C-alpha atoms as a PDB file:
ATOM      1  CA  MET A   1     -48.192 -25.701 -75.161  1.00  0.00           C
ATOM      2  CA  ILE A   2     -46.598 -29.055 -75.723  1.00  0.00           C
ATOM      3  CA  ARG A   3     -49.011 -31.978 -76.056  1.00  0.00           C
ATOM      4  CA  LEU A   4     -48.436 -35.699 -75.852  1.00  0.00           C
ATOM      5  CA  GLY A   5     -51.678 -37.613 -75.877  1.00  0.00           C
ATOM      6  CA  LYS A   6     -53.708 -36.458 -72.888  1.00  0.00           C
ATOM      7  CA  HIS A   7     -50.697 -34.809 -71.275  1.00  0.00           C
ATOM      8  CA  ILE A   8     -49.729 -31.179 -71.736  1.00  0.00           C
ATOM      9  CA  ARG A   9     -46.892 -28.927 -70.705  1.00  0.00           C
ATOM     10  CA  LEU A  10     -47.137 -25.161 -70.670  1.00  0.00           C
ATOM     11  CA  THR A  11     -44.267 -23.298 -72.262  1.00  0.00           C
ATOM     12  CA  ARG A  12     -42.257 -20.853 -70.201  1.00  0.00           C
ATOM     13  CA  ARG A  13     -44.011 -17.957 -71.981  1.00  0.00           C
ATOM     14  CA  GLU A  14     -47.462 -19.395 -71.196  1.00  0.00           C
ATOM     15  CA  VAL A  15     -46.513 -19.829 -67.533  1.00  0.00           C
ATOM     16  CA  GLU A  16     -45.313 -16.225 -67.462  1.00  0.00           C
ATOM     17  CA  ARG A  17     -48.521 -14.953 -69.062  1.00  0.00           C
ATOM     18  CA  PHE A  18     -50.830 -16.898 -66.729  1.00  0.00           C
ATOM     19  CA  THR A  19     -48.772 -15.723 -63.746  1.00  0.00           C
ATOM     20  CA  MET A  20     -48.943 -12.118 -64.928  1.00  0.00           C
ATOM     21  CA  ILE A  21     -52.723 -12.321 -65.436  1.00  0.00           C
ATOM     22  CA  THR A  22     -53.639 -14.216 -62.274  1.00  0.00           C
ATOM     23  CA  GLY A  23     -50.830 -13.567 -59.818  1.00  0.00           C
ATOM     24  CA  PHE A  24     -50.514 -17.326 -59.276  1.00  0.00           C
ATOM     25  CA  VAL A  25     -47.960 -19.639 -60.874  1.00  0.00           C
ATOM     26  CA  PRO A  26     -49.632 -22.493 -62.792  1.00  0.00           C
ATOM     27  CA  ALA A  27     -47.701 -25.330 -61.161  1.00  0.00           C
ATOM     28  CA  ASN A  28     -48.179 -29.043 -61.873  1.00  0.00           C
ATOM     29  CA  ILE A  29     -50.355 -28.518 -64.943  1.00  0.00           C
ATOM     30  CA  LYS A  30     -50.174 -31.867 -66.724  1.00  0.00           C
ATOM     31  CA  THR A  31     -53.618 -32.227 -68.332  1.00  0.00           C
ATOM     32  CA  PHE A  32     -56.378 -29.999 -69.653  1.00  0.00           C
ATOM     33  CA  ASP A  33     -58.327 -30.860 -66.497  1.00  0.00           C
ATOM     34  CA  ASP A  34     -55.432 -29.485 -64.412  1.00  0.00           C
ATOM     35  CA  LEU A  35     -55.417 -26.301 -66.496  1.00  0.00           C
ATOM     36  CA  ASP A  36     -59.185 -25.903 -66.123  1.00  0.00           C
ATOM     37  CA  ALA A  37     -58.923 -26.491 -62.353  1.00  0.00           C
ATOM     38  CA  TYR A  38     -56.184 -23.851 -62.089  1.00  0.00           C
ATOM     39  CA  ILE A  39     -58.275 -21.329 -64.017  1.00  0.00           C
ATOM     40  CA  GLY A  40     -61.325 -22.195 -61.906  1.00  0.00           C
ATOM     41  CA  GLN A  41     -59.380 -21.595 -58.677  1.00  0.00           C
ATOM     42  CA  CYS A  42     -58.156 -18.250 -59.985  1.00  0.00           C
ATOM     43  CA  LYS A  43     -61.676 -17.227 -60.963  1.00  0.00           C
ATOM     44  CA  ARG A  44     -62.966 -18.177 -57.508  1.00  0.00           C
ATOM     45  CA  HIS A  45     -60.190 -16.126 -55.942  1.00  0.00           C
ATOM     46  CA  TYR A  46     -61.119 -13.125 -58.113  1.00  0.00           C
ATOM     47  CA  TRP A  47     -64.881 -13.368 -57.855  1.00  0.00           C
ATOM     48  CA  GLY A  48     -67.408 -10.611 -58.332  1.00  0.00           C
ATOM     49  CA  VAL A  49     -69.488  -8.800 -60.910  1.00  0.00           C
ATOM     50  CA  SER A  50     -67.394  -5.675 -61.482  1.00  0.00           C
ATOM     51  CA  GLN A  51     -66.118  -4.818 -64.942  1.00  0.00           C
ATOM     52  CA  ASP A  52     -62.565  -5.462 -63.737  1.00  0.00           C
ATOM     53  CA  THR A  53     -63.467  -8.962 -62.557  1.00  0.00           C
ATOM     54  CA  LYS A  54     -65.303  -9.752 -65.790  1.00  0.00           C
ATOM     55  CA  PHE A  55     -62.299  -8.531 -67.770  1.00  0.00           C
ATOM     56  CA  LEU A  56     -59.894 -10.622 -65.682  1.00  0.00           C
ATOM     57  CA  HIS A  57     -62.033 -13.733 -66.205  1.00  0.00           C
ATOM     58  CA  TRP A  58     -62.147 -12.975 -69.939  1.00  0.00           C
ATOM     59  CA  LEU A  59     -58.333 -12.689 -69.998  1.00  0.00           C
ATOM     60  CA  MET A  60     -57.999 -16.106 -68.358  1.00  0.00           C
ATOM     61  CA  ASP A  61     -60.415 -17.677 -70.849  1.00  0.00           C
ATOM     62  CA  ARG A  62     -58.652 -15.971 -73.765  1.00  0.00           C
ATOM     63  CA  GLU A  63     -55.255 -17.211 -72.622  1.00  0.00           C
ATOM     64  CA  ARG A  64     -56.611 -20.762 -72.360  1.00  0.00           C
ATOM     65  CA  LYS A  65     -57.962 -20.544 -75.912  1.00  0.00           C
ATOM     66  CA  LEU A  66     -54.615 -19.244 -77.147  1.00  0.00           C
ATOM     67  CA  CYS A  67     -52.832 -22.153 -75.461  1.00  0.00           C
ATOM     68  CA  ILE A  68     -55.020 -24.793 -77.099  1.00  0.00           C
ATOM     69  CA  GLY A  69     -54.974 -23.022 -80.461  1.00  0.00           C
ATOM     70  CA  ALA A  70     -58.657 -22.082 -80.490  1.00  0.00           C
ATOM     71  CA  GLY A  71     -58.160 -18.323 -80.410  1.00  0.00           C
END
């Protein structure tokens, strides 16, 4: 992730990983709020209480942490 003040830009690899995990391309992600909104939309799309859904949500959260350097 490239950061400049409040603005961010996902690297090509991060875009590929989010797309692989979610099935949706993270387009127009320019701030952390945009990234969180994207992840929230993906989680709403893949809702439920199954182990697969919980794992998918965990993957999204893990990828976010890796992007911001917290994981």
